[in-house]
PDB file of N, CA and C in Angstrom:
ATOM      1  N   MET A   1      77.819  18.159 108.284  1.00  0.00           N
ATOM      2  CA  MET A   1      78.724  17.993 109.389  1.00  0.00           C
ATOM      3  C   MET A   1      78.066  17.262 110.542  1.00  0.00           C
ATOM      4  N   ASN A   2      76.785  17.505 110.757  1.00  0.00           N
ATOM      5  CA  ASN A   2      76.113  16.816 111.860  1.00  0.00           C
ATOM      6  C   ASN A   2      76.218  15.306 111.721  1.00  0.00           C
ATOM      7  N   GLY A   3      76.160  14.809 110.488  1.00  0.00           N
ATOM      8  CA  GLY A   3      76.283  13.377 110.249  1.00  0.00           C
ATOM      9  C   GLY A   3      77.651  12.821 110.598  1.00  0.00           C
ATOM     10  N   GLN A   4      78.640  13.709 110.707  1.00  0.00           N
ATOM     11  CA  GLN A   4      80.004  13.303 111.074  1.00  0.00           C
ATOM     12  C   GLN A   4      80.278  13.570 112.552  1.00  0.00           C
ATOM     13  N   GLY A   5      79.247  13.897 113.317  1.00  0.00           N
ATOM     14  CA  GLY A   5      79.413  14.155 114.745  1.00  0.00           C
ATOM     15  C   GLY A   5      79.955  15.536 115.054  1.00  0.00           C
ATOM     16  N   VAL A   6      79.772  16.469 114.131  1.00  0.00           N
ATOM     17  CA  VAL A   6      80.262  17.834 114.308  1.00  0.00           C
ATOM     18  C   VAL A   6      79.064  18.769 114.474  1.00  0.00           C
ATOM     19  N   ALA A   7      79.094  19.588 115.511  1.00  0.00           N
ATOM     20  CA  ALA A   7      78.023  20.554 115.758  1.00  0.00           C
ATOM     21  C   ALA A   7      78.577  21.962 115.530  1.00  0.00           C
ATOM     22  N   PRO A   8      78.505  22.471 114.293  1.00  0.00           N
ATOM     23  CA  PRO A   8      79.068  23.796 114.017  1.00  0.00           C
ATOM     24  C   PRO A   8      78.188  24.920 114.542  1.00  0.00           C
ATOM     25  N   VAL A   9      78.835  26.016 114.890  1.00  0.00           N
ATOM     26  CA  VAL A   9      78.130  27.260 115.196  1.00  0.00           C
ATOM     27  C   VAL A   9      78.289  28.126 113.954  1.00  0.00           C
ATOM     28  N   LEU A  10      77.176  28.509 113.356  1.00  0.00           N
ATOM     29  CA  LEU A  10      77.215  29.319 112.140  1.00  0.00           C
ATOM     30  C   LEU A  10      77.377  30.780 112.506  1.00  0.00           C
ATOM     31  N   LEU A  11      78.311  31.446 111.836  1.00  0.00           N
ATOM     32  CA  LEU A  11      78.615  32.847 112.118  1.00  0.00           C
ATOM     33  C   LEU A  11      78.342  33.710 110.894  1.00  0.00           C
ATOM     34  N   LYS A  12      78.057  34.959 111.118  1.00  0.00           N
ATOM     35  CA  LYS A  12      77.896  35.971 110.059  1.00  0.00           C
ATOM     36  C   LYS A  12      76.929  35.506 108.973  1.00  0.00           C
ATOM     37  N   GLY A  13      77.339  35.510 107.726  1.00  0.00           N
ATOM     38  CA  GLY A  13      76.458  35.191 106.608  1.00  0.00           C
ATOM     39  C   GLY A  13      75.902  33.785 106.655  1.00  0.00           C
ATOM     40  N   ALA A  14      76.669  32.835 107.183  1.00  0.00           N
ATOM     41  CA  ALA A  14      76.198  31.457 107.266  1.00  0.00           C
ATOM     42  C   ALA A  14      74.966  31.360 108.169  1.00  0.00           C
ATOM     43  N   ALA A  15      74.961  32.121 109.257  1.00  0.00           N
ATOM     44  CA  ALA A  15      73.804  32.125 110.155  1.00  0.00           C
ATOM     45  C   ALA A  15      72.591  32.722 109.466  1.00  0.00           C
ATOM     46  N   THR A  16      72.795  33.783 108.703  1.00  0.00           N
ATOM     47  CA  THR A  16      71.704  34.406 107.960  1.00  0.00           C
ATOM     48  C   THR A  16      71.152  33.438 106.924  1.00  0.00           C
ATOM     49  N   LEU A  17      72.027  32.753 106.232  1.00  0.00           N
ATOM     50  CA  LEU A  17      71.614  31.796 105.215  1.00  0.00           C
ATOM     51  C   LEU A  17      70.795  30.657 105.824  1.00  0.00           C
ATOM     52  N   ALA A  18      71.231  30.152 106.943  1.00  0.00           N
ATOM     53  CA  ALA A  18      70.552  29.018 107.581  1.00  0.00           C
ATOM     54  C   ALA A  18      69.158  29.375 108.070  1.00  0.00           C
ATOM     55  N   THR A  19      68.944  30.627 108.423  1.00  0.00           N
ATOM     56  CA  THR A  19      67.649  31.034 108.960  1.00  0.00           C
ATOM     57  C   THR A  19      66.743  31.696 107.920  1.00  0.00           C
ATOM     58  N   ALA A  20      67.252  31.891 106.717  1.00  0.00           N
ATOM     59  CA  ALA A  20      66.464  32.542 105.661  1.00  0.00           C
ATOM     60  C   ALA A  20      65.414  31.580 105.105  1.00  0.00           C
ATOM     61  N   PRO A  21      64.286  32.119 104.667  1.00  0.00           N
ATOM     62  CA  PRO A  21      63.305  31.261 103.995  1.00  0.00           C
ATOM     63  C   PRO A  21      63.942  30.628 102.753  1.00  0.00           C
ATOM     64  N   VAL A  22      63.515  29.437 102.415  1.00  0.00           N
ATOM     65  CA  VAL A  22      64.092  28.682 101.295  1.00  0.00           C
ATOM     66  C   VAL A  22      64.137  29.521 100.019  1.00  0.00           C
ATOM     67  N   GLU A  23      63.091  30.252  99.733  1.00  0.00           N
ATOM     68  CA  GLU A  23      63.036  31.034  98.490  1.00  0.00           C
ATOM     69  C   GLU A  23      64.016  32.209  98.477  1.00  0.00           C
ATOM     70  N   ARG A  24      64.594  32.586  99.607  1.00  0.00           N
ATOM     71  CA  ARG A  24      65.549  33.697  99.683  1.00  0.00           C
ATOM     72  C   ARG A  24      66.999  33.235  99.764  1.00  0.00           C
ATOM     73  N   ARG A  25      67.257  31.956  99.889  1.00  0.00           N
ATOM     74  CA  ARG A  25      68.625  31.465 100.114  1.00  0.00           C
ATOM     75  C   ARG A  25      69.554  31.687  98.937  1.00  0.00           C
ATOM     76  N   GLY A  26      69.061  31.741  97.736  1.00  0.00           N
ATOM     77  CA  GLY A  26      69.918  31.959  96.577  1.00  0.00           C
ATOM     78  C   GLY A  26      70.149  33.427  96.258  1.00  0.00           C
ATOM     79  N   VAL A  27      69.541  34.322  97.017  1.00  0.00           N
ATOM     80  CA  VAL A  27      69.628  35.755  96.745  1.00  0.00           C
ATOM     81  C   VAL A  27      70.962  36.343  97.191  1.00  0.00           C
ATOM     82  N   ARG A  28      71.476  35.861  98.291  1.00  0.00           N
ATOM     83  CA  ARG A  28      72.716  36.411  98.851  1.00  0.00           C
ATOM     84  C   ARG A  28      73.927  35.664  98.285  1.00  0.00           C
ATOM     85  N   LEU A  29      74.848  36.408  97.693  1.00  0.00           N
ATOM     86  CA  LEU A  29      76.077  35.826  97.159  1.00  0.00           C
ATOM     87  C   LEU A  29      77.066  35.607  98.302  1.00  0.00           C
ATOM     88  N   MET A  30      77.584  34.388  98.404  1.00  0.00           N
ATOM     89  CA  MET A  30      78.552  34.064  99.452  1.00  0.00           C
ATOM     90  C   MET A  30      79.757  33.389  98.815  1.00  0.00           C
ATOM     91  N   SER A  31      80.942  33.768  99.265  1.00  0.00           N
ATOM     92  CA  SER A  31      82.149  33.132  98.748  1.00  0.00           C
ATOM     93  C   SER A  31      82.949  32.448  99.852  1.00  0.00           C
ATOM     94  N   ASP A  32      82.458  32.544 101.083  1.00  0.00           N
ATOM     95  CA  ASP A  32      83.137  31.874 102.180  1.00  0.00           C
ATOM     96  C   ASP A  32      82.099  31.402 103.185  1.00  0.00           C
ATOM     97  N   LEU A  33      82.538  30.621 104.133  1.00  0.00           N
ATOM     98  CA  LEU A  33      81.661  30.069 105.149  1.00  0.00           C
ATOM     99  C   LEU A  33      82.346  30.251 106.494  1.00  0.00           C
ATOM    100  N   ASP A  34      81.737  31.040 107.355  1.00  0.00           N
ATOM    101  CA  ASP A  34      82.306  31.286 108.683  1.00  0.00           C
ATOM    102  C   ASP A  34      81.590  30.404 109.689  1.00  0.00           C
ATOM    103  N   ILE A  35      82.341  29.463 110.247  1.00  0.00           N
ATOM    104  CA  ILE A  35      81.793  28.562 111.254  1.00  0.00           C
ATOM    105  C   ILE A  35      82.785  28.434 112.395  1.00  0.00           C
ATOM    106  N   MET A  36      82.282  27.927 113.519  1.00  0.00           N
ATOM    107  CA  MET A  36      83.141  27.663 114.670  1.00  0.00           C
ATOM    108  C   MET A  36      82.800  26.268 115.167  1.00  0.00           C
ATOM    109  N   VAL A  37      83.823  25.484 115.451  1.00  0.00           N
ATOM    110  CA  VAL A  37      83.635  24.156 116.032  1.00  0.00           C
ATOM    111  C   VAL A  37      84.583  24.021 117.214  1.00  0.00           C
ATOM    112  N   VAL A  38      84.253  23.110 118.120  1.00  0.00           N
ATOM    113  CA  VAL A  38      85.166  22.873 119.243  1.00  0.00           C
ATOM    114  C   VAL A  38      86.421  22.200 118.701  1.00  0.00           C
ATOM    115  N   PRO A  39      87.555  22.403 119.333  1.00  0.00           N
ATOM    116  CA  PRO A  39      88.817  21.864 118.815  1.00  0.00           C
ATOM    117  C   PRO A  39      88.792  20.368 118.514  1.00  0.00           C
ATOM    118  N   ASP A  40      88.124  19.583 119.338  1.00  0.00           N
ATOM    119  CA  ASP A  40      88.094  18.132 119.113  1.00  0.00           C
ATOM    120  C   ASP A  40      87.352  17.738 117.844  1.00  0.00           C
ATOM    121  N   GLU A  41      86.534  18.631 117.286  1.00  0.00           N
ATOM    122  CA  GLU A  41      85.759  18.340 116.077  1.00  0.00           C
ATOM    123  C   GLU A  41      86.361  18.959 114.817  1.00  0.00           C
ATOM    124  N   ALA A  42      87.462  19.693 114.957  1.00  0.00           N
ATOM    125  CA  ALA A  42      88.015  20.449 113.830  1.00  0.00           C
ATOM    126  C   ALA A  42      88.415  19.566 112.653  1.00  0.00           C
ATOM    127  N   GLU A  43      89.117  18.487 112.893  1.00  0.00           N
ATOM    128  CA  GLU A  43      89.554  17.629 111.783  1.00  0.00           C
ATOM    129  C   GLU A  43      88.371  17.022 111.050  1.00  0.00           C
ATOM    130  N   ARG A  44      87.353  16.580 111.787  1.00  0.00           N
ATOM    131  CA  ARG A  44      86.154  16.021 111.153  1.00  0.00           C
ATOM    132  C   ARG A  44      85.400  17.094 110.375  1.00  0.00           C
ATOM    133  N   ALA A  45      85.382  18.327 110.890  1.00  0.00           N
ATOM    134  CA  ALA A  45      84.713  19.425 110.191  1.00  0.00           C
ATOM    135  C   ALA A  45      85.403  19.718 108.865  1.00  0.00           C
ATOM    136  N   VAL A  46      86.726  19.791 108.870  1.00  0.00           N
ATOM    137  CA  VAL A  46      87.491  20.049 107.647  1.00  0.00           C
ATOM    138  C   VAL A  46      87.258  18.922 106.646  1.00  0.00           C
ATOM    139  N   ALA A  47      87.262  17.685 107.103  1.00  0.00           N
ATOM    140  CA  ALA A  47      87.037  16.544 106.209  1.00  0.00           C
ATOM    141  C   ALA A  47      85.629  16.581 105.620  1.00  0.00           C
ATOM    142  N   ALA A  48      84.626  16.915 106.437  1.00  0.00           N
ATOM    143  CA  ALA A  48      83.242  16.971 105.954  1.00  0.00           C
ATOM    144  C   ALA A  48      83.069  18.067 104.912  1.00  0.00           C
ATOM    145  N   LEU A  49      83.680  19.225 105.144  1.00  0.00           N
ATOM    146  CA  LEU A  49      83.586  20.316 104.168  1.00  0.00           C
ATOM    147  C   LEU A  49      84.328  19.965 102.885  1.00  0.00           C
ATOM    148  N   GLY A  50      85.489  19.352 103.005  1.00  0.00           N
ATOM    149  CA  GLY A  50      86.242  18.942 101.821  1.00  0.00           C
ATOM    150  C   GLY A  50      85.478  17.927 100.983  1.00  0.00           C
ATOM    151  N   ALA A  51      84.722  17.057 101.643  1.00  0.00           N
ATOM    152  CA  ALA A  51      83.961  16.026 100.941  1.00  0.00           C
ATOM    153  C   ALA A  51      82.854  16.613 100.069  1.00  0.00           C
ATOM    154  N   ILE A  52      82.412  17.829 100.379  1.00  0.00           N
ATOM    155  CA  ILE A  52      81.361  18.446  99.560  1.00  0.00           C
ATOM    156  C   ILE A  52      81.907  19.591  98.708  1.00  0.00           C
ATOM    157  N   GLY A  53      83.247  19.649  98.583  1.00  0.00           N
ATOM    158  CA  GLY A  53      83.839  20.577  97.630  1.00  0.00           C
ATOM    159  C   GLY A  53      84.439  21.856  98.175  1.00  0.00           C
ATOM    160  N   TYR A  54      84.335  22.094  99.486  1.00  0.00           N
ATOM    161  CA  TYR A  54      84.953  23.295 100.038  1.00  0.00           C
ATOM    162  C   TYR A  54      86.463  23.135 100.078  1.00  0.00           C
ATOM    163  N   GLU A  55      87.173  24.239  99.901  1.00  0.00           N
ATOM    164  CA  GLU A  55      88.629  24.263 100.030  1.00  0.00           C
ATOM    165  C   GLU A  55      88.984  25.140 101.221  1.00  0.00           C
ATOM    166  N   ILE A  56      89.895  24.667 102.027  1.00  0.00           N
ATOM    167  CA  ILE A  56      90.322  25.409 103.197  1.00  0.00           C
ATOM    168  C   ILE A  56      91.517  26.271 102.805  1.00  0.00           C
ATOM    169  N   HIS A  57      91.371  27.582 102.887  1.00  0.00           N
ATOM    170  CA  HIS A  57      92.435  28.499 102.498  1.00  0.00           C
ATOM    171  C   HIS A  57      93.180  29.080 103.695  1.00  0.00           C
ATOM    172  N   ASP A  58      92.556  29.096 104.849  1.00  0.00           N
ATOM    173  CA  ASP A  58      93.202  29.688 106.014  1.00  0.00           C
ATOM    174  C   ASP A  58      92.642  29.014 107.257  1.00  0.00           C
ATOM    175  N   GLN A  59      93.529  28.632 108.150  1.00  0.00           N
ATOM    176  CA  GLN A  59      93.112  28.037 109.412  1.00  0.00           C
ATOM    177  C   GLN A  59      93.832  28.747 110.540  1.00  0.00           C
ATOM    178  N   ALA A  60      93.274  28.659 111.726  1.00  0.00           N
ATOM    179  CA  ALA A  60      93.910  29.244 112.896  1.00  0.00           C
ATOM    180  C   ALA A  60      95.247  28.550 113.147  1.00  0.00           C
ATOM    181  N   ARG A  61      96.202  29.313 113.624  1.00  0.00           N
ATOM    182  CA  ARG A  61      97.498  28.733 113.971  1.00  0.00           C
ATOM    183  C   ARG A  61      97.303  27.706 115.091  1.00  0.00           C
ATOM    184  N   PRO A  62      98.100  26.637 115.113  1.00  0.00           N
ATOM    185  CA  PRO A  62      97.939  25.585 116.133  1.00  0.00           C
ATOM    186  C   PRO A  62      97.926  26.129 117.556  1.00  0.00           C
ATOM    187  N   GLU A  63      98.745  27.119 117.848  1.00  0.00           N
ATOM    188  CA  GLU A  63      98.808  27.639 119.224  1.00  0.00           C
ATOM    189  C   GLU A  63      97.554  28.414 119.629  1.00  0.00           C
ATOM    190  N   SER A  64      96.723  28.797 118.664  1.00  0.00           N
ATOM    191  CA  SER A  64      95.502  29.536 118.996  1.00  0.00           C
ATOM    192  C   SER A  64      94.269  28.641 119.029  1.00  0.00           C
ATOM    193  N   ARG A  65      94.442  27.345 118.825  1.00  0.00           N
ATOM    194  CA  ARG A  65      93.299  26.446 118.736  1.00  0.00           C
ATOM    195  C   ARG A  65      92.759  26.008 120.099  1.00  0.00           C
ATOM    196  N   GLY A  66      93.542  26.135 121.143  1.00  0.00           N
ATOM    197  CA  GLY A  66      93.068  25.720 122.467  1.00  0.00           C
ATOM    198  C   GLY A  66      92.088  26.720 123.052  1.00  0.00           C
ATOM    199  N   MET A  67      91.256  26.234 123.918  1.00  0.00           N
ATOM    200  CA  MET A  67      90.297  27.104 124.604  1.00  0.00           C
ATOM    201  C   MET A  67      90.914  27.469 125.933  1.00  0.00           C
ATOM    202  N   SER A  68      90.940  28.733 126.244  1.00  0.00           N
ATOM    203  CA  SER A  68      91.512  29.144 127.525  1.00  0.00           C
ATOM    204  C   SER A  68      90.403  29.391 128.533  1.00  0.00           C
ATOM    205  N   SER A  69      90.755  29.250 129.795  1.00  0.00           N
ATOM    206  CA  SER A  69      89.744  29.447 130.841  1.00  0.00           C
ATOM    207  C   SER A  69      89.989  30.725 131.602  1.00  0.00           C
TER     208      SER A  69
END
């Protein structure tokens, strides 16, 4: 995603996976990827994940995508 101009925040298991030693990365079974991106990067993030084989099964409703102050 970084190559597509997307700076994801890794959440839950994804954060653990990213910080684990290389030899431990295959130990944890994962079936999903929890990430957060700013709204302006969402379409590029979905495209980048789709390009490497991820399927998007659930997305936030459009009305919940804005950031409130």
